[in-house]
Amino acid sequence: MERVGDARELVRGYVDALSAVDEAMRAAFPSLERLADVLGLVHSRRISRSGQAGTYSYTVHGAGCRFVCDNGSLVDVDFAADGSEVFDLWRLRCYGLSLPEPLDVTDQDLRAAVRSLQPLLAEVRPGWFSVAD
C-alpha cells in the first residue's frame, strides 16, 4: 500500500509542478491566457520553440510542451483540442524519475493513485488525465 501512497504523492507533485509551470509561463509571456496558448505563440513565431521562463526551460513538441526545472525535474504535458492540459502514466513516470530523489513507481500503482485522486483528476480519454475544473 505504501507504493500507492508514493504514487499518489508523485501525482500530486506533478499537478503542483504543472501549476508552477503555468504560473512561470504566464509571467514570462503575459499574452498567455492558458498554458496551451504557447502552441499558438510558437506556430505564429511570436516565441521560439524552446526557451526559458523563470526557472524552467521549455521545448514545444507536437501537441504539447516539455518543461525542465532548474533542479532537473521534468514536466511534460500535451494539450487536448479544447486547450486543456492532459497527461498519461508515461509522463507521470518520467516526472517521478526526474525528481532530485527519484520515485520509480509502476503503472499499476500510478493508475490506482490517479483513481484515488478523483474528482481532483478526470480521465478525459482512456489512459489520459486532466486536472478537473
C-alpha atoms as a PDB file:
ATOM      1  CA  MET A   1       0.000   0.000   0.000  1.00  0.00           C
ATOM      2  CA  GLU A   2       2.930   2.336   0.633  1.00  0.00           C
ATOM      3  CA  ARG A   3       3.741   2.207  -3.090  1.00  0.00           C
ATOM      4  CA  VAL A   4       0.297   3.587  -3.948  1.00  0.00           C
ATOM      5  CA  GLY A   5       0.901   6.313  -1.341  1.00  0.00           C
ATOM      6  CA  ASP A   6       4.210   7.150  -3.055  1.00  0.00           C
ATOM      7  CA  ALA A   7       2.455   7.149  -6.411  1.00  0.00           C
ATOM      8  CA  ARG A   8      -0.271   9.430  -5.032  1.00  0.00           C
ATOM      9  CA  GLU A   9       2.376  11.880  -3.781  1.00  0.00           C
ATOM     10  CA  LEU A  10       4.086  11.708  -7.194  1.00  0.00           C
ATOM     11  CA  VAL A  11       0.816  12.545  -8.970  1.00  0.00           C
ATOM     12  CA  ARG A  12       0.118  15.426  -6.568  1.00  0.00           C
ATOM     13  CA  GLY A  13       3.681  16.655  -7.106  1.00  0.00           C
ATOM     14  CA  TYR A  14       3.181  16.577 -10.873  1.00  0.00           C
ATOM     15  CA  VAL A  15      -0.075  18.543 -10.580  1.00  0.00           C
ATOM     16  CA  ASP A  16       1.653  21.128  -8.345  1.00  0.00           C
ATOM     17  CA  ALA A  17       4.618  21.326 -10.738  1.00  0.00           C
ATOM     18  CA  LEU A  18       2.247  21.787 -13.693  1.00  0.00           C
ATOM     19  CA  SER A  19       0.612  24.677 -11.832  1.00  0.00           C
ATOM     20  CA  ALA A  20       4.044  26.241 -11.151  1.00  0.00           C
ATOM     21  CA  VAL A  21       4.956  25.879 -14.846  1.00  0.00           C
ATOM     22  CA  ASP A  22       1.700  27.598 -15.817  1.00  0.00           C
ATOM     23  CA  GLU A  23       2.489  30.472 -13.448  1.00  0.00           C
ATOM     24  CA  ALA A  24       6.063  30.845 -14.755  1.00  0.00           C
ATOM     25  CA  MET A  25       4.940  30.799 -18.390  1.00  0.00           C
ATOM     26  CA  ARG A  26       2.210  33.401 -17.781  1.00  0.00           C
ATOM     27  CA  ALA A  27       4.750  35.639 -16.031  1.00  0.00           C
ATOM     28  CA  ALA A  28       7.204  35.255 -18.927  1.00  0.00           C
ATOM     29  CA  PHE A  29       4.573  35.621 -21.650  1.00  0.00           C
ATOM     30  CA  PRO A  30       1.737  37.891 -20.415  1.00  0.00           C
ATOM     31  CA  SER A  31      -0.339  37.245 -23.553  1.00  0.00           C
ATOM     32  CA  LEU A  32      -0.908  33.606 -22.464  1.00  0.00           C
ATOM     33  CA  GLU A  33      -4.466  33.121 -21.268  1.00  0.00           C
ATOM     34  CA  ARG A  34      -3.814  29.424 -20.655  1.00  0.00           C
ATOM     35  CA  LEU A  35      -0.783  27.207 -20.976  1.00  0.00           C
ATOM     36  CA  ALA A  36      -1.952  25.673 -24.268  1.00  0.00           C
ATOM     37  CA  ASP A  37      -1.669  29.104 -25.901  1.00  0.00           C
ATOM     38  CA  VAL A  38       2.087  28.513 -26.025  1.00  0.00           C
ATOM     39  CA  LEU A  39       1.449  26.346 -29.121  1.00  0.00           C
ATOM     40  CA  GLY A  40      -0.162  29.260 -30.946  1.00  0.00           C
ATOM     41  CA  LEU A  41       2.653  31.615 -29.970  1.00  0.00           C
ATOM     42  CA  VAL A  42       5.210  29.175 -31.371  1.00  0.00           C
ATOM     43  CA  HIS A  43       3.239  28.494 -34.565  1.00  0.00           C
ATOM     44  CA  SER A  44       2.854  32.235 -35.162  1.00  0.00           C
ATOM     45  CA  ARG A  45       6.583  32.631 -34.466  1.00  0.00           C
ATOM     46  CA  ARG A  46       5.965  35.126 -31.669  1.00  0.00           C
ATOM     47  CA  ILE A  47       8.123  32.990 -29.389  1.00  0.00           C
ATOM     48  CA  SER A  48      10.803  30.386 -30.028  1.00  0.00           C
ATOM     49  CA  ARG A  49      10.037  26.644 -29.977  1.00  0.00           C
ATOM     50  CA  SER A  50      12.375  26.396 -26.989  1.00  0.00           C
ATOM     51  CA  GLY A  51      13.480  28.898 -24.386  1.00  0.00           C
ATOM     52  CA  GLN A  52      13.451  29.929 -20.759  1.00  0.00           C
ATOM     53  CA  ALA A  53      10.592  31.035 -18.488  1.00  0.00           C
ATOM     54  CA  GLY A  54      11.656  31.759 -14.934  1.00  0.00           C
ATOM     55  CA  THR A  55      13.364  28.670 -13.517  1.00  0.00           C
ATOM     56  CA  TYR A  56      12.057  26.486 -16.366  1.00  0.00           C
ATOM     57  CA  SER A  57      13.385  25.736 -19.799  1.00  0.00           C
ATOM     58  CA  TYR A  58      10.695  24.715 -22.248  1.00  0.00           C
ATOM     59  CA  THR A  59      10.535  22.892 -25.553  1.00  0.00           C
ATOM     60  CA  VAL A  60       7.321  22.777 -27.565  1.00  0.00           C
ATOM     61  CA  HIS A  61       6.684  19.432 -29.285  1.00  0.00           C
ATOM     62  CA  GLY A  62       3.792  18.168 -31.382  1.00  0.00           C
ATOM     63  CA  ALA A  63       0.688  18.638 -29.254  1.00  0.00           C
ATOM     64  CA  GLY A  64       2.450  19.667 -26.064  1.00  0.00           C
ATOM     65  CA  CYS A  65       5.408  21.044 -24.215  1.00  0.00           C
ATOM     66  CA  ARG A  66       8.252  19.726 -22.088  1.00  0.00           C
ATOM     67  CA  PHE A  67       9.417  21.802 -19.136  1.00  0.00           C
ATOM     68  CA  VAL A  68      12.597  21.202 -17.160  1.00  0.00           C
ATOM     69  CA  CYS A  69      13.060  22.970 -13.839  1.00  0.00           C
ATOM     70  CA  ASP A  70      16.498  24.134 -12.761  1.00  0.00           C
ATOM     71  CA  ASN A  71      16.523  21.239 -10.233  1.00  0.00           C
ATOM     72  CA  GLY A  72      16.207  18.799 -13.163  1.00  0.00           C
ATOM     73  CA  SER A  73      12.589  17.786 -12.629  1.00  0.00           C
ATOM     74  CA  LEU A  74      10.676  17.242 -15.846  1.00  0.00           C
ATOM     75  CA  VAL A  75       7.048  18.128 -16.551  1.00  0.00           C
ATOM     76  CA  ASP A  76       5.806  17.011 -19.959  1.00  0.00           C
ATOM     77  CA  VAL A  77       2.236  17.837 -20.916  1.00  0.00           C
ATOM     78  CA  ASP A  78       0.072  17.588 -24.013  1.00  0.00           C
ATOM     79  CA  PHE A  79      -2.874  19.803 -24.849  1.00  0.00           C
ATOM     80  CA  ALA A  80      -6.291  18.488 -25.859  1.00  0.00           C
ATOM     81  CA  ALA A  81      -8.250  20.055 -28.719  1.00  0.00           C
ATOM     82  CA  ASP A  82     -10.088  22.246 -26.191  1.00  0.00           C
ATOM     83  CA  GLY A  83      -6.774  23.519 -24.784  1.00  0.00           C
ATOM     84  CA  SER A  84      -6.909  21.544 -21.561  1.00  0.00           C
ATOM     85  CA  GLU A  85      -3.686  20.101 -20.177  1.00  0.00           C
ATOM     86  CA  VAL A  86      -3.571  16.303 -20.436  1.00  0.00           C
ATOM     87  CA  PHE A  87      -1.055  13.708 -19.324  1.00  0.00           C
ATOM     88  CA  ASP A  88      -0.667   9.961 -19.243  1.00  0.00           C
ATOM     89  CA  LEU A  89       1.064   7.455 -16.975  1.00  0.00           C
ATOM     90  CA  TRP A  90       4.285   7.664 -19.005  1.00  0.00           C
ATOM     91  CA  ARG A  91       4.538  11.423 -18.340  1.00  0.00           C
ATOM     92  CA  LEU A  92       3.890  10.841 -14.640  1.00  0.00           C
ATOM     93  CA  ARG A  93       6.637   8.182 -14.505  1.00  0.00           C
ATOM     94  CA  CYS A  94       9.085  10.494 -16.308  1.00  0.00           C
ATOM     95  CA  TYR A  95       8.331  13.203 -13.752  1.00  0.00           C
ATOM     96  CA  GLY A  96       8.908  10.781 -10.864  1.00  0.00           C
ATOM     97  CA  LEU A  97      12.204   9.551 -12.294  1.00  0.00           C
ATOM     98  CA  SER A  98      13.420  13.133 -12.872  1.00  0.00           C
ATOM     99  CA  LEU A  99      12.959  14.260  -9.271  1.00  0.00           C
ATOM    100  CA  PRO A 100      16.071  15.078  -7.194  1.00  0.00           C
ATOM    101  CA  GLU A 101      15.167  11.941  -5.187  1.00  0.00           C
ATOM    102  CA  PRO A 102      13.723   9.775  -7.996  1.00  0.00           C
ATOM    103  CA  LEU A 103      10.475   7.921  -7.418  1.00  0.00           C
ATOM    104  CA  ASP A 104      10.081   4.836  -9.590  1.00  0.00           C
ATOM    105  CA  VAL A 105       6.523   3.548  -9.399  1.00  0.00           C
ATOM    106  CA  THR A 106       4.661   1.053 -11.554  1.00  0.00           C
ATOM    107  CA  ASP A 107       1.912   1.946 -13.981  1.00  0.00           C
ATOM    108  CA  GLN A 108      -0.428  -0.147 -11.824  1.00  0.00           C
ATOM    109  CA  ASP A 109       0.376   1.977  -8.734  1.00  0.00           C
ATOM    110  CA  LEU A 110       0.056   5.191 -10.748  1.00  0.00           C
ATOM    111  CA  ARG A 111      -3.313   4.086 -12.144  1.00  0.00           C
ATOM    112  CA  ALA A 112      -4.532   3.339  -8.603  1.00  0.00           C
ATOM    113  CA  ALA A 113      -3.199   6.701  -7.400  1.00  0.00           C
ATOM    114  CA  VAL A 114      -4.909   8.626 -10.197  1.00  0.00           C
ATOM    115  CA  ARG A 115      -8.199   6.853  -9.489  1.00  0.00           C
ATOM    116  CA  SER A 116      -7.863   7.637  -5.767  1.00  0.00           C
ATOM    117  CA  LEU A 117      -7.415  11.326  -6.617  1.00  0.00           C
ATOM    118  CA  GLN A 118     -10.709  11.676  -8.465  1.00  0.00           C
ATOM    119  CA  PRO A 119     -12.501  14.132  -8.562  1.00  0.00           C
ATOM    120  CA  LEU A 120      -9.253  16.214  -8.475  1.00  0.00           C
ATOM    121  CA  LEU A 121      -8.311  14.423 -11.704  1.00  0.00           C
ATOM    122  CA  ALA A 122     -10.534  13.341 -14.563  1.00  0.00           C
ATOM    123  CA  GLU A 123      -9.843  10.632 -17.145  1.00  0.00           C
ATOM    124  CA  VAL A 124     -10.512  12.523 -20.374  1.00  0.00           C
ATOM    125  CA  ARG A 125      -9.924   9.522 -22.634  1.00  0.00           C
ATOM    126  CA  PRO A 126      -8.588   6.053 -21.833  1.00  0.00           C
ATOM    127  CA  GLY A 127      -5.220   6.431 -20.109  1.00  0.00           C
ATOM    128  CA  TRP A 128      -5.153  10.239 -20.354  1.00  0.00           C
ATOM    129  CA  PHE A 129      -5.910  12.529 -17.436  1.00  0.00           C
ATOM    130  CA  SER A 130      -6.545  16.177 -16.728  1.00  0.00           C
ATOM    131  CA  VAL A 131      -6.858  18.276 -13.615  1.00  0.00           C
ATOM    132  CA  ALA A 132     -10.612  18.724 -13.113  1.00  0.00           C
ATOM    133  CA  ASP A 133     -12.045  22.253 -13.246  1.00  0.00           C
END
